[in-house]
Each structure stands twice: as structure tokens, then as C-alpha cells.
Amino acid sequence: MNYVDKIKTLPIWKGNISLNPLEGGITNHNYLIKDGTSKYVVRMGEDIPEHLVYRSNELNVSKAAHAIGVSPKLIHFEPGVMVFDYIQCKTLDPETVRINLDKIMPIIKKIHFEMPNQLNGQSIIFWVFYVIKYYSNFLKKNNSSHISIIQELIKKSETLEKLSSPRDIVFGHNDFLAANFLDDGSKIWVVDWEYGGFNDPLFDIGGLASNNDFDTDLENHSLELYYDQKPSKELLIRYNAMKAASLLRETMWSMVSEITSNLEFDYSKYTEENLTKFNNTFESL
């Protein structure tokens, strides 16, 4: 059964529905559904073991995110399907993320410190340096075209792990691409929790910066907003190391997706872009 047919069979609809694909996702298939006067977003996607994505965790985290008021309500769940309330909004891009940084950083702090109060059952640790090792093994086993540089990337990752210590642990979103922020005109929402898990806060802050083209001044401002004081030299070292790690993880995520994904997206180009950004960031440490 294809995705459209599956959506039509969901037991929650009150009558005939209209269905339109939503563009922009690079992992899942998303659809806008109109059921009478109500609208919903349907997110289609099974577990993705090669990316350590398990929908049982995403279900748990999505509920907690709604409970603290940062994410739309989950209406229905069954294997491979999540249905959320639709929010009339604009999806942010890197420029609007930068413009709205003063609004976004308090939301990130809220996620980091309030999410654990609402989680139920077992949660995961999203440890970027393990993810990088996991990806390297996958790429080797599956004859990636990037095998020749994997060992070099692992050595750089080991350097970053040392430089980014010691660390705090909070509950992270771990995927702060611009498209995961929605602006309804009065409030900014956060969506897509498939990588949600306990992590170093600097991974989220660094990922936000690297994914949205922050300059040095804006990076310093983001750290000051988060920590309520100007960043120390020691914090900047840890931050820049974790920012580089977030870029390396995104690069290797794309390398794996080159092999496994069936979405119409240019993963090779995405790999190249992120690898260049990673190497530049690493060399600047």
C-alpha cells in the first residue's frame, strides 16, 4: 500500500479528505490533510536504523514537546504514521532564523531543561561521537564512495571529543535545521523530533549556528543569550569543537543517505557542502 492509500485508511477522518504533499523534507514524506474545516500534517516514515531513528522515541519526545508548549499536538500514531495538528505558519529559512535568534534561544533553553519533566518511559542518548563512529562503520560495510577519507574523519572526531570536554548534559532536539522552525506570526514552534535525546547543549547551539550561517558575532550573541553572560575563552573552545562535530555528523548523515535514501534530493551535493564547512571549521579551531 502506498503512502496516499495508507493515509486515506486512517480511522480518524470524519469524511472525505483532501491531500497535498508538503515539500522540503529530506528524511520523511509529509502531507497536508484537510478534513472538513480541520487541517492536519501527516508524517510518514518507518524506523530508520541506519540513522538510529526509532519512531517509538519520536512518539515519546513529540508528546513531551507539546506538553511544554513548543510543538504541535500529536493527534494519531500507528506504525509508520504520525498525525499532528496543523499550524498556519511560515517555515523559517537561515535568514529568518538569524533574524529571530532572540526568540529562538529561549525556546532552546526551554527544550533543554523542561523536556525531561514531561518524558515518559525510556529515552535515548544522542551522543554525536558515537553516531560518527556508527556511521563510519556503516559506510565501510556498504562500500561508500567516501571510504578513502573515513579514517581521517574519525581522527578529527577524536580530537573534537577531547576539545569539547568537560560537558553538561541536557535534552536536545539535535537537528536544528531552519525548516524545523515554524513562525505563526506570534510564536515560533519546533518540529521533527526523530533525533531527540540527551546531549551536550553546545551540540544544539553549534548546530543552529552551522546550519543557519551565523557569523562570529551572532555565534557569540547566541552563547550570551543561552548562558546569560559573555562566553569565556574555555567555553568558546568547547563550543567550536562541538559545532565542528555537528557539521561532521551532518556530513556523514548525508554520506549514509546517499546509499540508503529513495527521496528525490541531491545528497551528494549536500555531502560536499557540509564536508567543506566541516573542514573549514576544523582548520579554524
C-alpha atoms as a PDB file:
ATOM      1  CA  MET A   1       0.000   0.000   0.000  1.00  0.00           C
ATOM      2  CA  ASN A   2       1.439   3.394  -0.948  1.00  0.00           C
ATOM      3  CA  TYR A   3       1.506   6.386   1.399  1.00  0.00           C
ATOM      4  CA  VAL A   4      -1.561   8.100  -0.057  1.00  0.00           C
ATOM      5  CA  ASP A   5      -3.696   4.964   0.204  1.00  0.00           C
ATOM      6  CA  LYS A   6      -2.442   4.372   3.738  1.00  0.00           C
ATOM      7  CA  ILE A   7      -3.382   7.901   4.806  1.00  0.00           C
ATOM      8  CA  LYS A   8      -6.881   7.512   3.378  1.00  0.00           C
ATOM      9  CA  THR A   9      -7.472   4.409   5.515  1.00  0.00           C
ATOM     10  CA  LEU A  10      -6.659   6.100   8.837  1.00  0.00           C
ATOM     11  CA  PRO A  11      -9.642   5.770  11.210  1.00  0.00           C
ATOM     12  CA  ILE A  12      -9.539   9.374  12.459  1.00  0.00           C
ATOM     13  CA  TRP A  13     -11.088  11.086   9.408  1.00  0.00           C
ATOM     14  CA  LYS A  14     -14.693  12.225   9.604  1.00  0.00           C
ATOM     15  CA  GLY A  15     -15.340  12.107   5.869  1.00  0.00           C
ATOM     16  CA  ASN A  16     -13.620  12.584   2.548  1.00  0.00           C
ATOM     17  CA  ILE A  17     -10.249  14.292   2.817  1.00  0.00           C
ATOM     18  CA  SER A  18      -8.102  16.405   0.525  1.00  0.00           C
ATOM     19  CA  LEU A  19      -4.429  15.569   0.487  1.00  0.00           C
ATOM     20  CA  ASN A  20      -1.387  17.540  -0.701  1.00  0.00           C
ATOM     21  CA  PRO A  21       2.301  16.664  -0.363  1.00  0.00           C
ATOM     22  CA  LEU A  22       4.456  19.089   1.605  1.00  0.00           C
ATOM     23  CA  GLU A  23       7.818  19.903   0.068  1.00  0.00           C
ATOM     24  CA  GLY A  24      11.143  20.312   1.798  1.00  0.00           C
ATOM     25  CA  GLY A  25      11.710  17.159   3.853  1.00  0.00           C
ATOM     26  CA  ILE A  26      14.959  15.265   3.339  1.00  0.00           C
ATOM     27  CA  THR A  27      14.114  12.239   5.512  1.00  0.00           C
ATOM     28  CA  ASN A  28      10.339  11.650   5.612  1.00  0.00           C
ATOM     29  CA  HIS A  29       7.245  12.109   3.434  1.00  0.00           C
ATOM     30  CA  ASN A  30       4.869  14.793   4.748  1.00  0.00           C
ATOM     31  CA  TYR A  31       1.326  15.645   3.682  1.00  0.00           C
ATOM     32  CA  LEU A  32      -1.200  18.380   4.440  1.00  0.00           C
ATOM     33  CA  ILE A  33      -4.663  16.936   5.041  1.00  0.00           C
ATOM     34  CA  LYS A  34      -7.940  18.825   5.100  1.00  0.00           C
ATOM     35  CA  ASP A  35     -10.808  17.036   6.815  1.00  0.00           C
ATOM     36  CA  GLY A  36     -13.863  19.268   6.708  1.00  0.00           C
ATOM     37  CA  THR A  37     -12.783  22.505   8.377  1.00  0.00           C
ATOM     38  CA  SER A  38      -9.778  20.980  10.153  1.00  0.00           C
ATOM     39  CA  LYS A  39      -6.236  20.629   8.842  1.00  0.00           C
ATOM     40  CA  TYR A  40      -3.521  18.184   9.841  1.00  0.00           C
ATOM     41  CA  VAL A  41       0.037  17.279   8.920  1.00  0.00           C
ATOM     42  CA  VAL A  42       0.698  13.602   8.320  1.00  0.00           C
ATOM     43  CA  ARG A  43       4.281  12.420   8.664  1.00  0.00           C
ATOM     44  CA  MET A  44       5.044   9.082   7.011  1.00  0.00           C
ATOM     45  CA  GLY A  45       8.179   7.176   7.921  1.00  0.00           C
ATOM     46  CA  GLU A  46       9.225   3.836   9.389  1.00  0.00           C
ATOM     47  CA  ASP A  47      12.205   3.301  11.688  1.00  0.00           C
ATOM     48  CA  ILE A  48      15.499   4.216  10.008  1.00  0.00           C
ATOM     49  CA  PRO A  49      18.075   2.010  11.741  1.00  0.00           C
ATOM     50  CA  GLU A  50      20.963   3.314   9.633  1.00  0.00           C
ATOM     51  CA  HIS A  51      20.311   6.736  11.188  1.00  0.00           C
ATOM     52  CA  LEU A  52      19.406   5.415  14.648  1.00  0.00           C
ATOM     53  CA  VAL A  53      15.879   6.777  14.181  1.00  0.00           C
ATOM     54  CA  TYR A  54      13.191   4.863  16.060  1.00  0.00           C
ATOM     55  CA  ARG A  55       9.623   6.123  15.943  1.00  0.00           C
ATOM     56  CA  SER A  56       8.834   4.952  19.476  1.00  0.00           C
ATOM     57  CA  ASN A  57      11.315   7.559  20.706  1.00  0.00           C
ATOM     58  CA  GLU A  58       9.960  10.211  18.345  1.00  0.00           C
ATOM     59  CA  LEU A  59       6.441   9.494  19.655  1.00  0.00           C
ATOM     60  CA  ASN A  60       7.526   9.927  23.268  1.00  0.00           C
ATOM     61  CA  VAL A  61       9.504  13.090  22.563  1.00  0.00           C
ATOM     62  CA  SER A  62       6.785  14.663  20.385  1.00  0.00           C
ATOM     63  CA  LYS A  63       4.285  14.306  23.228  1.00  0.00           C
ATOM     64  CA  ALA A  64       6.701  15.900  25.695  1.00  0.00           C
ATOM     65  CA  ALA A  65       7.427  18.770  23.272  1.00  0.00           C
ATOM     66  CA  HIS A  66       3.703  19.527  23.027  1.00  0.00           C
ATOM     67  CA  ALA A  67       3.348  19.313  26.804  1.00  0.00           C
ATOM     68  CA  ILE A  68       5.886  22.126  27.286  1.00  0.00           C
ATOM     69  CA  GLY A  69       4.217  24.199  24.562  1.00  0.00           C
ATOM     70  CA  VAL A  70       6.865  24.203  21.842  1.00  0.00           C
ATOM     71  CA  SER A  71       5.422  21.751  19.303  1.00  0.00           C
ATOM     72  CA  PRO A  72       2.054  20.907  17.687  1.00  0.00           C
ATOM     73  CA  LYS A  73      -0.174  18.279  19.269  1.00  0.00           C
ATOM     74  CA  LEU A  74       0.143  14.676  18.140  1.00  0.00           C
ATOM     75  CA  ILE A  75      -3.350  13.534  17.129  1.00  0.00           C
ATOM     76  CA  HIS A  76      -2.766   9.959  15.995  1.00  0.00           C
ATOM     77  CA  PHE A  77       0.030   7.425  15.851  1.00  0.00           C
ATOM     78  CA  GLU A  78       0.421   3.997  14.354  1.00  0.00           C
ATOM     79  CA  PRO A  79       3.480   2.243  12.892  1.00  0.00           C
ATOM     80  CA  GLY A  80       4.885   4.451  10.137  1.00  0.00           C
ATOM     81  CA  VAL A  81       2.331   7.249  10.618  1.00  0.00           C
ATOM     82  CA  MET A  82       2.145  10.355  12.785  1.00  0.00           C
ATOM     83  CA  VAL A  83      -0.687  12.892  12.511  1.00  0.00           C
ATOM     84  CA  PHE A  84      -0.218  16.372  14.011  1.00  0.00           C
ATOM     85  CA  ASP A  85      -2.392  19.442  14.373  1.00  0.00           C
ATOM     86  CA  TYR A  86      -1.736  21.859  11.523  1.00  0.00           C
ATOM     87  CA  ILE A  87      -0.428  25.316  12.395  1.00  0.00           C
ATOM     88  CA  GLN A  88      -0.899  28.159   9.932  1.00  0.00           C
ATOM     89  CA  CYS A  89       2.652  29.380   9.713  1.00  0.00           C
ATOM     90  CA  LYS A  90       5.746  30.145   7.687  1.00  0.00           C
ATOM     91  CA  THR A  91       8.711  27.807   7.686  1.00  0.00           C
ATOM     92  CA  LEU A  92      11.892  29.640   8.600  1.00  0.00           C
ATOM     93  CA  ASP A  93      14.964  29.776   6.389  1.00  0.00           C
ATOM     94  CA  PRO A  94      18.530  30.557   7.557  1.00  0.00           C
ATOM     95  CA  GLU A  95      17.992  34.297   7.203  1.00  0.00           C
ATOM     96  CA  THR A  96      14.813  34.335   9.286  1.00  0.00           C
ATOM     97  CA  VAL A  97      16.445  32.064  11.878  1.00  0.00           C
ATOM     98  CA  ARG A  98      19.176  34.671  12.260  1.00  0.00           C
ATOM     99  CA  ILE A  99      16.624  37.492  12.474  1.00  0.00           C
ATOM    100  CA  ASN A 100      14.628  35.629  15.140  1.00  0.00           C
ATOM    101  CA  LEU A 101      17.565  34.430  17.237  1.00  0.00           C
ATOM    102  CA  ASP A 102      16.441  36.382  20.318  1.00  0.00           C
ATOM    103  CA  LYS A 103      13.145  34.462  20.203  1.00  0.00           C
ATOM    104  CA  ILE A 104      14.668  31.094  19.345  1.00  0.00           C
ATOM    105  CA  MET A 105      17.307  30.819  22.084  1.00  0.00           C
ATOM    106  CA  PRO A 106      14.784  30.930  24.973  1.00  0.00           C
ATOM    107  CA  ILE A 107      12.860  28.147  23.224  1.00  0.00           C
ATOM    108  CA  ILE A 108      16.036  26.067  23.008  1.00  0.00           C
ATOM    109  CA  LYS A 109      16.665  26.603  26.732  1.00  0.00           C
ATOM    110  CA  LYS A 110      13.069  25.580  27.458  1.00  0.00           C
ATOM    111  CA  ILE A 111      13.554  22.369  25.457  1.00  0.00           C
ATOM    112  CA  HIS A 112      16.851  21.597  27.167  1.00  0.00           C
ATOM    113  CA  PHE A 113      15.623  21.980  30.728  1.00  0.00           C
ATOM    114  CA  GLU A 114      11.858  21.309  30.692  1.00  0.00           C
ATOM    115  CA  MET A 115      11.571  18.345  28.315  1.00  0.00           C
ATOM    116  CA  PRO A 116      12.858  15.775  30.861  1.00  0.00           C
ATOM    117  CA  ASN A 117       9.970  16.717  33.170  1.00  0.00           C
ATOM    118  CA  GLN A 118       7.446  15.526  30.568  1.00  0.00           C
ATOM    119  CA  LEU A 119       9.116  12.443  29.079  1.00  0.00           C
ATOM    120  CA  ASN A 120       7.613   9.017  29.784  1.00  0.00           C
ATOM    121  CA  GLY A 121       9.452   5.729  29.635  1.00  0.00           C
ATOM    122  CA  GLN A 122      12.894   5.163  28.251  1.00  0.00           C
ATOM    123  CA  SER A 123      14.669   7.951  26.399  1.00  0.00           C
ATOM    124  CA  ILE A 124      17.852   7.876  24.380  1.00  0.00           C
ATOM    125  CA  ILE A 125      21.259   9.499  24.484  1.00  0.00           C
ATOM    126  CA  PHE A 126      22.202  11.191  21.229  1.00  0.00           C
ATOM    127  CA  TRP A 127      25.970  11.077  21.572  1.00  0.00           C
ATOM    128  CA  VAL A 128      27.417  12.638  18.449  1.00  0.00           C
ATOM    129  CA  PHE A 129      30.822  10.994  18.738  1.00  0.00           C
ATOM    130  CA  TYR A 130      29.227   7.550  18.887  1.00  0.00           C
ATOM    131  CA  VAL A 131      26.971   8.440  15.936  1.00  0.00           C
ATOM    132  CA  ILE A 132      30.053   9.383  13.898  1.00  0.00           C
ATOM    133  CA  LYS A 133      31.705   6.018  14.698  1.00  0.00           C
ATOM    134  CA  TYR A 134      28.490   4.202  13.866  1.00  0.00           C
ATOM    135  CA  TYR A 135      28.224   5.992  10.530  1.00  0.00           C
ATOM    136  CA  SER A 136      31.865   5.252   9.708  1.00  0.00           C
ATOM    137  CA  ASN A 137      31.272   1.519  10.214  1.00  0.00           C
ATOM    138  CA  PHE A 138      28.126   1.631   8.091  1.00  0.00           C
ATOM    139  CA  LEU A 139      29.910   3.447   5.275  1.00  0.00           C
ATOM    140  CA  LYS A 140      32.762   0.941   5.276  1.00  0.00           C
ATOM    141  CA  LYS A 141      30.427  -2.065   5.270  1.00  0.00           C
ATOM    142  CA  ASN A 142      28.372  -0.615   2.421  1.00  0.00           C
ATOM    143  CA  ASN A 143      31.266   0.369   0.138  1.00  0.00           C
ATOM    144  CA  SER A 144      30.659   4.103   0.309  1.00  0.00           C
ATOM    145  CA  SER A 145      32.370   6.231  -2.307  1.00  0.00           C
ATOM    146  CA  HIS A 146      33.838   8.183   0.630  1.00  0.00           C
ATOM    147  CA  ILE A 147      35.748   5.290   2.251  1.00  0.00           C
ATOM    148  CA  SER A 148      39.125   6.867   1.437  1.00  0.00           C
ATOM    149  CA  ILE A 149      38.547   9.767   3.856  1.00  0.00           C
ATOM    150  CA  ILE A 150      36.679   7.964   6.660  1.00  0.00           C
ATOM    151  CA  GLN A 151      39.728   7.242   8.807  1.00  0.00           C
ATOM    152  CA  GLU A 152      40.845  10.857   8.600  1.00  0.00           C
ATOM    153  CA  LEU A 153      37.379  11.995   9.696  1.00  0.00           C
ATOM    154  CA  ILE A 154      37.437   9.602  12.659  1.00  0.00           C
ATOM    155  CA  LYS A 155      40.786  11.005  13.822  1.00  0.00           C
ATOM    156  CA  LYS A 156      39.389  14.519  13.612  1.00  0.00           C
ATOM    157  CA  SER A 157      36.332  13.408  15.574  1.00  0.00           C
ATOM    158  CA  GLU A 158      38.569  12.049  18.346  1.00  0.00           C
ATOM    159  CA  THR A 159      40.280  15.430  18.535  1.00  0.00           C
ATOM    160  CA  LEU A 160      36.919  17.203  18.766  1.00  0.00           C
ATOM    161  CA  GLU A 161      35.707  14.902  21.531  1.00  0.00           C
ATOM    162  CA  LYS A 162      38.714  15.865  23.662  1.00  0.00           C
ATOM    163  CA  LEU A 163      38.420  19.576  22.899  1.00  0.00           C
ATOM    164  CA  SER A 164      34.697  19.695  23.730  1.00  0.00           C
ATOM    165  CA  SER A 165      35.153  18.295  27.259  1.00  0.00           C
ATOM    166  CA  PRO A 166      34.096  18.735  30.013  1.00  0.00           C
ATOM    167  CA  ARG A 167      30.408  18.985  29.213  1.00  0.00           C
ATOM    168  CA  ASP A 168      26.903  19.415  30.572  1.00  0.00           C
ATOM    169  CA  ILE A 169      24.001  17.129  29.633  1.00  0.00           C
ATOM    170  CA  VAL A 170      20.524  18.383  28.701  1.00  0.00           C
ATOM    171  CA  PHE A 171      17.697  17.126  26.488  1.00  0.00           C
ATOM    172  CA  GLY A 172      18.435  18.160  22.910  1.00  0.00           C
ATOM    173  CA  HIS A 173      16.490  18.410  19.666  1.00  0.00           C
ATOM    174  CA  ASN A 174      19.719  17.621  17.788  1.00  0.00           C
ATOM    175  CA  ASP A 175      18.539  18.692  14.333  1.00  0.00           C
ATOM    176  CA  PHE A 176      18.149  22.459  14.252  1.00  0.00           C
ATOM    177  CA  LEU A 177      17.799  22.972  10.524  1.00  0.00           C
ATOM    178  CA  ALA A 178      15.905  26.129   9.597  1.00  0.00           C
ATOM    179  CA  ALA A 179      12.990  24.058   8.260  1.00  0.00           C
ATOM    180  CA  ASN A 180      12.333  22.683  11.750  1.00  0.00           C
ATOM    181  CA  PHE A 181      11.234  26.114  12.988  1.00  0.00           C
ATOM    182  CA  LEU A 182       7.740  27.425  12.204  1.00  0.00           C
ATOM    183  CA  ASP A 183       6.546  31.002  12.749  1.00  0.00           C
ATOM    184  CA  ASP A 184       2.781  31.533  13.165  1.00  0.00           C
ATOM    185  CA  GLY A 185       3.175  35.311  13.454  1.00  0.00           C
ATOM    186  CA  SER A 186       3.148  35.416  17.231  1.00  0.00           C
ATOM    187  CA  LYS A 187       5.061  32.316  18.242  1.00  0.00           C
ATOM    188  CA  ILE A 188       7.867  30.099  16.946  1.00  0.00           C
ATOM    189  CA  TRP A 189       7.302  26.352  17.045  1.00  0.00           C
ATOM    190  CA  VAL A 190       9.780  23.475  16.761  1.00  0.00           C
ATOM    191  CA  VAL A 191       9.005  20.273  14.839  1.00  0.00           C
ATOM    192  CA  ASP A 192      10.640  16.958  13.822  1.00  0.00           C
ATOM    193  CA  TRP A 193      11.830  15.152  16.939  1.00  0.00           C
ATOM    194  CA  GLU A 194      13.245  11.961  15.430  1.00  0.00           C
ATOM    195  CA  TYR A 195      16.739  12.704  16.801  1.00  0.00           C
ATOM    196  CA  GLY A 196      15.580  13.958  20.202  1.00  0.00           C
ATOM    197  CA  GLY A 197      17.733  12.739  23.076  1.00  0.00           C
ATOM    198  CA  PHE A 198      20.069  13.699  25.894  1.00  0.00           C
ATOM    199  CA  ASN A 199      23.176  15.509  24.659  1.00  0.00           C
ATOM    200  CA  ASP A 200      25.602  18.374  25.242  1.00  0.00           C
ATOM    201  CA  PRO A 201      23.757  21.730  24.888  1.00  0.00           C
ATOM    202  CA  LEU A 202      26.591  23.007  22.708  1.00  0.00           C
ATOM    203  CA  PHE A 203      25.611  20.491  20.034  1.00  0.00           C
ATOM    204  CA  ASP A 204      22.240  22.223  19.570  1.00  0.00           C
ATOM    205  CA  ILE A 205      23.757  25.711  19.784  1.00  0.00           C
ATOM    206  CA  GLY A 206      26.575  24.831  17.391  1.00  0.00           C
ATOM    207  CA  GLY A 207      24.237  23.017  15.031  1.00  0.00           C
ATOM    208  CA  LEU A 208      21.903  26.003  14.960  1.00  0.00           C
ATOM    209  CA  ALA A 209      24.843  28.233  14.009  1.00  0.00           C
ATOM    210  CA  SER A 210      26.363  25.954  11.375  1.00  0.00           C
ATOM    211  CA  ASN A 211      23.033  25.088   9.746  1.00  0.00           C
ATOM    212  CA  ASN A 212      21.996  28.727   9.524  1.00  0.00           C
ATOM    213  CA  ASP A 213      25.209  30.519   8.553  1.00  0.00           C
ATOM    214  CA  PHE A 214      25.852  32.509  11.717  1.00  0.00           C
ATOM    215  CA  ASP A 215      28.816  34.864  11.676  1.00  0.00           C
ATOM    216  CA  THR A 216      31.139  35.108  14.695  1.00  0.00           C
ATOM    217  CA  ASP A 217      29.239  37.998  16.266  1.00  0.00           C
ATOM    218  CA  LEU A 218      25.952  36.129  16.073  1.00  0.00           C
ATOM    219  CA  GLU A 219      27.546  32.983  17.488  1.00  0.00           C
ATOM    220  CA  ASN A 220      28.843  34.960  20.465  1.00  0.00           C
ATOM    221  CA  HIS A 221      25.409  36.520  20.881  1.00  0.00           C
ATOM    222  CA  SER A 222      23.723  33.115  20.858  1.00  0.00           C
ATOM    223  CA  LEU A 223      26.067  31.880  23.612  1.00  0.00           C
ATOM    224  CA  GLU A 224      25.464  35.028  25.643  1.00  0.00           C
ATOM    225  CA  LEU A 225      21.693  34.569  25.301  1.00  0.00           C
ATOM    226  CA  TYR A 226      21.958  30.952  26.417  1.00  0.00           C
ATOM    227  CA  TYR A 227      24.377  31.379  29.331  1.00  0.00           C
ATOM    228  CA  ASP A 228      23.345  34.923  30.368  1.00  0.00           C
ATOM    229  CA  GLN A 229      26.944  36.092  30.218  1.00  0.00           C
ATOM    230  CA  LYS A 230      29.671  36.680  27.681  1.00  0.00           C
ATOM    231  CA  PRO A 231      31.340  33.416  26.630  1.00  0.00           C
ATOM    232  CA  SER A 232      34.711  32.668  28.172  1.00  0.00           C
ATOM    233  CA  LYS A 233      37.703  31.515  26.138  1.00  0.00           C
ATOM    234  CA  GLU A 234      37.255  27.999  27.533  1.00  0.00           C
ATOM    235  CA  LEU A 235      33.580  27.916  26.525  1.00  0.00           C
ATOM    236  CA  LEU A 236      34.406  29.131  23.017  1.00  0.00           C
ATOM    237  CA  ILE A 237      36.902  26.285  22.564  1.00  0.00           C
ATOM    238  CA  ARG A 238      34.303  23.712  23.631  1.00  0.00           C
ATOM    239  CA  TYR A 239      31.621  25.392  21.548  1.00  0.00           C
ATOM    240  CA  ASN A 240      33.679  25.497  18.359  1.00  0.00           C
ATOM    241  CA  ALA A 241      34.696  21.868  18.785  1.00  0.00           C
ATOM    242  CA  MET A 242      31.066  20.807  19.197  1.00  0.00           C
ATOM    243  CA  LYS A 243      29.989  22.969  16.263  1.00  0.00           C
ATOM    244  CA  ALA A 244      32.562  21.159  14.138  1.00  0.00           C
ATOM    245  CA  ALA A 245      31.264  17.828  15.429  1.00  0.00           C
ATOM    246  CA  SER A 246      27.716  18.782  14.423  1.00  0.00           C
ATOM    247  CA  LEU A 247      28.972  19.525  10.903  1.00  0.00           C
ATOM    248  CA  LEU A 248      30.827  16.219  10.737  1.00  0.00           C
ATOM    249  CA  ARG A 249      27.735  14.344  11.857  1.00  0.00           C
ATOM    250  CA  GLU A 250      25.617  16.135   9.201  1.00  0.00           C
ATOM    251  CA  THR A 251      28.241  15.291   6.565  1.00  0.00           C
ATOM    252  CA  MET A 252      28.271  11.602   7.463  1.00  0.00           C
ATOM    253  CA  TRP A 253      24.473  11.534   7.751  1.00  0.00           C
ATOM    254  CA  SER A 254      24.397  12.669   4.131  1.00  0.00           C
ATOM    255  CA  MET A 255      27.026  10.114   3.092  1.00  0.00           C
ATOM    256  CA  VAL A 256      24.835   7.360   4.520  1.00  0.00           C
ATOM    257  CA  SER A 257      21.729   8.840   2.887  1.00  0.00           C
ATOM    258  CA  GLU A 258      23.491   8.741  -0.480  1.00  0.00           C
ATOM    259  CA  ILE A 259      23.386   4.951  -0.123  1.00  0.00           C
ATOM    260  CA  THR A 260      20.018   4.391   1.532  1.00  0.00           C
ATOM    261  CA  SER A 261      17.502   7.167   0.763  1.00  0.00           C
ATOM    262  CA  ASN A 262      14.943   6.977  -2.038  1.00  0.00           C
ATOM    263  CA  LEU A 263      13.862  10.620  -1.718  1.00  0.00           C
ATOM    264  CA  GLU A 264      14.474  12.957  -4.636  1.00  0.00           C
ATOM    265  CA  PHE A 265      17.228  15.017  -3.054  1.00  0.00           C
ATOM    266  CA  ASP A 266      20.814  15.701  -4.098  1.00  0.00           C
ATOM    267  CA  TYR A 267      22.608  14.086  -1.170  1.00  0.00           C
ATOM    268  CA  SER A 268      25.963  14.118  -2.973  1.00  0.00           C
ATOM    269  CA  LYS A 269      25.840  17.897  -3.214  1.00  0.00           C
ATOM    270  CA  TYR A 270      24.682  18.138   0.411  1.00  0.00           C
ATOM    271  CA  THR A 271      27.616  15.955   1.466  1.00  0.00           C
ATOM    272  CA  GLU A 272      30.062  18.140  -0.422  1.00  0.00           C
ATOM    273  CA  GLU A 273      28.661  21.357   1.068  1.00  0.00           C
ATOM    274  CA  ASN A 274      28.788  20.073   4.633  1.00  0.00           C
ATOM    275  CA  LEU A 275      32.214  18.480   4.239  1.00  0.00           C
ATOM    276  CA  THR A 276      33.622  21.813   3.065  1.00  0.00           C
ATOM    277  CA  LYS A 277      32.025  23.619   6.009  1.00  0.00           C
ATOM    278  CA  PHE A 278      33.351  20.976   8.407  1.00  0.00           C
ATOM    279  CA  ASN A 279      36.910  21.119   7.104  1.00  0.00           C
ATOM    280  CA  ASN A 280      36.918  24.916   7.228  1.00  0.00           C
ATOM    281  CA  THR A 281      35.599  24.908  10.789  1.00  0.00           C
ATOM    282  CA  PHE A 282      38.035  22.216  11.931  1.00  0.00           C
ATOM    283  CA  GLU A 283      41.017  24.046  10.457  1.00  0.00           C
ATOM    284  CA  SER A 284      39.981  27.256  12.211  1.00  0.00           C
ATOM    285  CA  LEU A 285      39.994  25.676  15.687  1.00  0.00           C
END
